[in-house]
N, C-alpha and C. Protein backbone atom coordinates (compact mmCIF):
# COMPACT_ATOMS: atom_id res chain seq x y z
N MET A 1 24.84 -92.81 -16.03
CA MET A 1 23.52 -93.25 -15.65
C MET A 1 22.70 -92.05 -15.21
N THR A 2 21.43 -92.07 -15.50
CA THR A 2 20.50 -91.05 -15.04
C THR A 2 19.97 -91.45 -13.67
N ALA A 3 19.85 -90.48 -12.77
CA ALA A 3 19.35 -90.76 -11.42
C ALA A 3 18.48 -89.60 -10.95
N PHE A 4 17.82 -89.83 -9.84
CA PHE A 4 17.00 -88.80 -9.21
C PHE A 4 17.62 -88.47 -7.87
N MET A 5 17.94 -87.20 -7.67
CA MET A 5 18.59 -86.76 -6.43
C MET A 5 17.54 -86.20 -5.48
N LEU A 6 17.51 -86.74 -4.29
CA LEU A 6 16.67 -86.21 -3.23
C LEU A 6 17.51 -85.18 -2.49
N ALA A 7 17.16 -83.91 -2.67
CA ALA A 7 17.90 -82.82 -2.03
C ALA A 7 17.07 -82.31 -0.86
N CYS A 8 17.66 -82.27 0.32
CA CYS A 8 16.95 -81.83 1.52
C CYS A 8 17.56 -80.54 2.06
N TYR A 9 16.69 -79.67 2.53
CA TYR A 9 17.09 -78.36 3.03
C TYR A 9 16.49 -78.13 4.41
N LEU A 10 17.27 -77.54 5.30
CA LEU A 10 16.80 -77.17 6.63
C LEU A 10 16.75 -75.66 6.66
N ASN A 11 15.54 -75.10 6.63
CA ASN A 11 15.31 -73.65 6.54
C ASN A 11 16.05 -73.03 5.37
N GLY A 12 16.02 -73.70 4.21
CA GLY A 12 16.60 -73.15 3.00
C GLY A 12 18.09 -73.42 2.82
N VAL A 13 18.73 -74.04 3.78
CA VAL A 13 20.16 -74.35 3.69
C VAL A 13 20.31 -75.84 3.36
N ALA A 14 21.10 -76.14 2.33
CA ALA A 14 21.29 -77.53 1.92
C ALA A 14 21.79 -78.36 3.09
N ASP A 15 21.12 -79.50 3.31
CA ASP A 15 21.46 -80.35 4.45
C ASP A 15 21.93 -81.74 4.03
N GLY A 16 21.62 -82.15 2.81
CA GLY A 16 22.06 -83.46 2.36
C GLY A 16 21.38 -83.88 1.08
N GLN A 17 21.95 -84.92 0.46
CA GLN A 17 21.32 -85.47 -0.74
C GLN A 17 21.62 -86.96 -0.83
N ILE A 18 20.72 -87.64 -1.54
CA ILE A 18 20.86 -89.07 -1.79
C ILE A 18 20.30 -89.33 -3.18
N TYR A 19 20.85 -90.33 -3.87
CA TYR A 19 20.48 -90.60 -5.25
C TYR A 19 19.69 -91.90 -5.35
N PHE A 20 18.65 -91.88 -6.23
CA PHE A 20 17.80 -93.05 -6.46
C PHE A 20 17.71 -93.35 -7.94
N ARG A 21 17.54 -94.63 -8.28
CA ARG A 21 17.30 -95.03 -9.67
C ARG A 21 15.86 -94.73 -10.07
N SER A 22 14.95 -94.79 -9.11
CA SER A 22 13.52 -94.68 -9.37
C SER A 22 12.96 -93.34 -8.89
N ALA A 23 12.19 -92.70 -9.76
CA ALA A 23 11.53 -91.44 -9.38
C ALA A 23 10.51 -91.69 -8.28
N ALA A 24 9.85 -92.85 -8.32
CA ALA A 24 8.83 -93.17 -7.31
C ALA A 24 9.46 -93.26 -5.92
N ASP A 25 10.64 -93.89 -5.81
CA ASP A 25 11.32 -93.97 -4.52
C ASP A 25 11.71 -92.59 -4.03
N CYS A 26 12.21 -91.76 -4.93
CA CYS A 26 12.63 -90.41 -4.56
C CYS A 26 11.44 -89.60 -4.02
N VAL A 27 10.33 -89.68 -4.72
CA VAL A 27 9.14 -88.92 -4.31
C VAL A 27 8.60 -89.44 -2.98
N THR A 28 8.63 -90.75 -2.78
CA THR A 28 8.16 -91.34 -1.52
C THR A 28 8.97 -90.80 -0.34
N PHE A 29 10.29 -90.83 -0.46
CA PHE A 29 11.13 -90.31 0.62
C PHE A 29 10.94 -88.81 0.80
N SER A 30 10.75 -88.08 -0.29
CA SER A 30 10.52 -86.64 -0.21
C SER A 30 9.26 -86.32 0.59
N ARG A 31 8.20 -87.04 0.32
CA ARG A 31 6.93 -86.83 1.04
C ARG A 31 7.06 -87.19 2.51
N TYR A 32 7.81 -88.24 2.79
CA TYR A 32 7.98 -88.71 4.17
C TYR A 32 8.81 -87.72 4.99
N LEU A 33 9.86 -87.18 4.40
CA LEU A 33 10.80 -86.33 5.14
C LEU A 33 10.39 -84.85 5.20
N SER A 34 9.71 -84.37 4.18
CA SER A 34 9.37 -82.94 4.10
C SER A 34 8.37 -82.51 5.17
N LYS A 35 8.44 -81.25 5.49
CA LYS A 35 7.51 -80.57 6.42
C LYS A 35 7.70 -80.99 7.87
N GLN A 36 8.79 -81.68 8.18
CA GLN A 36 9.07 -81.97 9.58
C GLN A 36 9.61 -80.70 10.24
N GLU A 37 9.26 -80.49 11.47
CA GLU A 37 9.73 -79.31 12.20
C GLU A 37 10.58 -79.74 13.38
N TYR A 38 11.65 -78.99 13.60
CA TYR A 38 12.57 -79.24 14.70
C TYR A 38 12.72 -77.98 15.52
N ASP A 39 12.82 -78.13 16.82
CA ASP A 39 13.06 -76.99 17.69
C ASP A 39 14.55 -76.98 18.03
N MET A 40 15.27 -76.04 17.45
CA MET A 40 16.71 -75.95 17.68
C MET A 40 17.01 -74.61 18.34
N LYS A 41 17.38 -74.68 19.61
CA LYS A 41 17.74 -73.48 20.38
C LYS A 41 16.62 -72.44 20.36
N GLY A 42 15.40 -72.91 20.52
CA GLY A 42 14.26 -72.00 20.60
C GLY A 42 13.69 -71.54 19.27
N LYS A 43 14.29 -71.97 18.16
CA LYS A 43 13.79 -71.59 16.84
C LYS A 43 13.26 -72.84 16.13
N THR A 44 12.14 -72.68 15.44
CA THR A 44 11.57 -73.78 14.70
C THR A 44 12.25 -73.87 13.34
N GLN A 45 12.80 -75.04 13.04
CA GLN A 45 13.45 -75.30 11.76
C GLN A 45 12.55 -76.23 10.95
N VAL A 46 12.35 -75.94 9.67
CA VAL A 46 11.51 -76.76 8.81
C VAL A 46 12.39 -77.49 7.80
N TYR A 47 12.16 -78.79 7.66
CA TYR A 47 12.92 -79.65 6.76
C TYR A 47 12.11 -79.84 5.48
N ASP A 48 12.68 -79.48 4.33
CA ASP A 48 12.02 -79.64 3.04
C ASP A 48 12.90 -80.45 2.11
N CYS A 49 12.30 -81.37 1.37
CA CYS A 49 13.04 -82.19 0.42
C CYS A 49 12.36 -82.14 -0.94
N ILE A 50 13.18 -82.13 -2.00
CA ILE A 50 12.66 -82.16 -3.37
C ILE A 50 13.47 -83.15 -4.18
N CYS A 51 12.86 -83.66 -5.25
CA CYS A 51 13.55 -84.57 -6.17
C CYS A 51 13.97 -83.80 -7.41
N LYS A 52 15.20 -84.07 -7.85
CA LYS A 52 15.72 -83.44 -9.06
C LYS A 52 16.28 -84.52 -9.96
N LEU A 53 16.04 -84.38 -11.25
CA LEU A 53 16.60 -85.30 -12.22
C LEU A 53 18.05 -84.91 -12.47
N VAL A 54 18.95 -85.89 -12.36
CA VAL A 54 20.37 -85.67 -12.63
C VAL A 54 20.71 -86.52 -13.85
N PRO A 55 21.03 -85.89 -14.99
CA PRO A 55 21.22 -86.66 -16.22
C PRO A 55 22.44 -87.57 -16.24
N LEU A 56 23.48 -87.23 -15.50
CA LEU A 56 24.69 -88.06 -15.54
C LEU A 56 25.29 -88.19 -14.15
N VAL A 57 25.31 -89.43 -13.65
CA VAL A 57 25.88 -89.71 -12.33
C VAL A 57 26.94 -90.79 -12.51
N ASN A 58 28.10 -90.56 -11.94
CA ASN A 58 29.18 -91.54 -11.99
C ASN A 58 28.99 -92.50 -10.82
N GLU A 59 28.56 -93.73 -11.13
CA GLU A 59 28.27 -94.70 -10.06
C GLU A 59 29.51 -95.17 -9.31
N GLU A 60 30.69 -94.90 -9.84
CA GLU A 60 31.91 -95.26 -9.14
C GLU A 60 32.20 -94.28 -8.00
N LYS A 61 31.64 -93.07 -8.09
CA LYS A 61 31.88 -92.04 -7.08
C LYS A 61 30.67 -91.78 -6.19
N VAL A 62 29.47 -92.13 -6.69
CA VAL A 62 28.24 -91.83 -5.96
C VAL A 62 27.42 -93.10 -5.85
N ARG A 63 26.94 -93.41 -4.66
CA ARG A 63 26.07 -94.59 -4.48
C ARG A 63 24.66 -94.22 -4.91
N VAL A 64 24.08 -95.05 -5.75
CA VAL A 64 22.71 -94.85 -6.24
C VAL A 64 21.87 -96.01 -5.72
N TYR A 65 20.80 -95.68 -5.00
CA TYR A 65 19.94 -96.70 -4.40
C TYR A 65 18.79 -97.04 -5.31
């Protein structure tokens, strides 16, 4: 199955991913989550998320929303 992966990064370091059937859902979550700032131990951390097309996802191993 083809899916859209929402990949999120905290200051450029991969922080997590989630898979969606719909590109619209992926983009909505990306816009909502991106550009948030966190103060961690006196340093500002920026959260960025992007959507990527994944041509083949095994639904038995990965949950797709």
